[in-house]
């Protein structure tokens, strides 16, 4: 599985001067296996380009999947929580 970062999508969808290079890289990645984006990438692309829900349609059409970031619990000693024992 290959994860794509937001600059690649912003270049491509924003029709940046680097769009062609980003498209080539994306095609190569798709040829090697599943390609995904996470929720952080989606939010950065939406904020950067103003896309809304239609972004998911664009990603699906391009063969890019969505993989939500998993929430993991943080041990109390790492989260700054204190105990009152």
Protein backbone atom coordinates (compact mmCIF):
# COMPACT_ATOMS: atom_id res chain seq x y z
CA UNK A 1 0.00 0.00 0.00
CA UNK A 2 1.28 3.46 -0.92
CA UNK A 3 0.14 6.58 0.90
CA UNK A 4 0.00 9.82 -1.07
CA UNK A 5 0.74 13.11 0.68
CA UNK A 6 -1.20 16.30 0.11
CA UNK A 7 1.39 18.19 -2.02
CA UNK A 8 1.04 15.58 -4.78
CA UNK A 9 -2.73 16.00 -4.88
CA UNK A 10 -2.58 19.78 -4.57
CA UNK A 11 -0.14 19.93 -7.49
CA UNK A 12 -2.33 17.66 -9.57
CA UNK A 13 -5.77 18.99 -8.72
CA UNK A 14 -4.66 22.61 -8.54
CA UNK A 15 -3.17 22.38 -12.05
CA UNK A 16 0.22 23.43 -10.71
CA UNK A 17 3.32 23.58 -12.90
CA UNK A 18 4.35 20.27 -11.29
CA UNK A 19 1.02 18.61 -12.13
CA UNK A 20 2.51 16.45 -14.88
CA UNK A 21 5.28 15.14 -12.62
CA UNK A 22 2.77 14.47 -9.85
CA UNK A 23 0.50 12.62 -12.26
CA UNK A 24 3.42 10.48 -13.48
CA UNK A 25 4.37 9.64 -9.89
CA UNK A 26 0.80 8.77 -9.06
CA UNK A 27 0.47 6.51 -12.10
CA UNK A 28 3.66 4.69 -11.10
CA UNK A 29 2.36 4.24 -7.56
CA UNK A 30 -0.99 2.90 -8.82
CA UNK A 31 0.89 0.40 -11.00
CA UNK A 32 2.61 -1.01 -7.89
CA UNK A 33 -0.45 -1.55 -5.73
CA UNK A 34 -3.18 0.16 -3.74
CA UNK A 35 -2.82 3.91 -3.24
CA UNK A 36 -4.52 5.65 -0.33
CA UNK A 37 -4.88 9.00 1.39
CA UNK A 38 -5.71 9.58 5.05
CA UNK A 39 -8.02 12.08 6.69
CA UNK A 40 -5.20 14.56 7.29
CA UNK A 41 -4.37 14.64 3.58
CA UNK A 42 -8.04 15.08 2.71
CA UNK A 43 -8.36 18.02 5.11
CA UNK A 44 -5.20 19.66 3.74
CA UNK A 45 -6.40 19.33 0.13
CA UNK A 46 -9.84 20.67 1.04
CA UNK A 47 -8.28 23.62 2.89
CA UNK A 48 -5.75 24.31 0.15
CA UNK A 49 -8.03 24.01 -2.88
CA UNK A 50 -11.52 24.52 -1.52
CA UNK A 51 -12.77 21.08 -2.55
CA UNK A 52 -15.68 19.68 -0.61
CA UNK A 53 -17.30 16.27 -0.62
CA UNK A 54 -16.62 15.94 -4.36
CA UNK A 55 -12.97 15.31 -3.51
CA UNK A 56 -13.88 11.72 -2.61
CA UNK A 57 -15.45 11.26 -6.05
CA UNK A 58 -12.26 12.58 -7.69
CA UNK A 59 -10.10 10.27 -5.58
CA UNK A 60 -12.27 7.26 -6.35
CA UNK A 61 -12.21 8.03 -10.06
CA UNK A 62 -8.40 8.20 -9.91
CA UNK A 63 -8.22 4.84 -8.14
CA UNK A 64 -7.11 6.32 -4.82
CA UNK A 65 -8.64 4.90 -1.67
CA UNK A 66 -9.36 6.55 1.66
CA UNK A 67 -7.91 5.17 4.88
CA UNK A 68 -8.90 6.95 8.07
CA UNK A 69 -6.25 7.54 10.69
CA UNK A 70 -6.71 5.22 13.63
CA UNK A 71 -7.19 6.71 17.07
CA UNK A 72 -4.87 5.14 19.56
CA UNK A 73 -5.04 5.52 23.30
CA UNK A 74 -2.09 7.26 24.93
CA UNK A 75 -0.82 5.94 28.26
CA UNK A 76 -1.51 8.37 31.12
CA UNK A 77 2.20 8.88 31.73
CA UNK A 78 2.60 10.17 28.14
CA UNK A 79 -0.49 12.33 27.92
CA UNK A 80 0.38 14.76 30.68
CA UNK A 81 -2.37 13.39 32.90
CA UNK A 82 -1.66 13.36 36.59
CA UNK A 83 -2.97 11.03 39.21
CA UNK A 84 -4.14 12.09 42.62
CA UNK A 85 -3.20 8.98 44.54
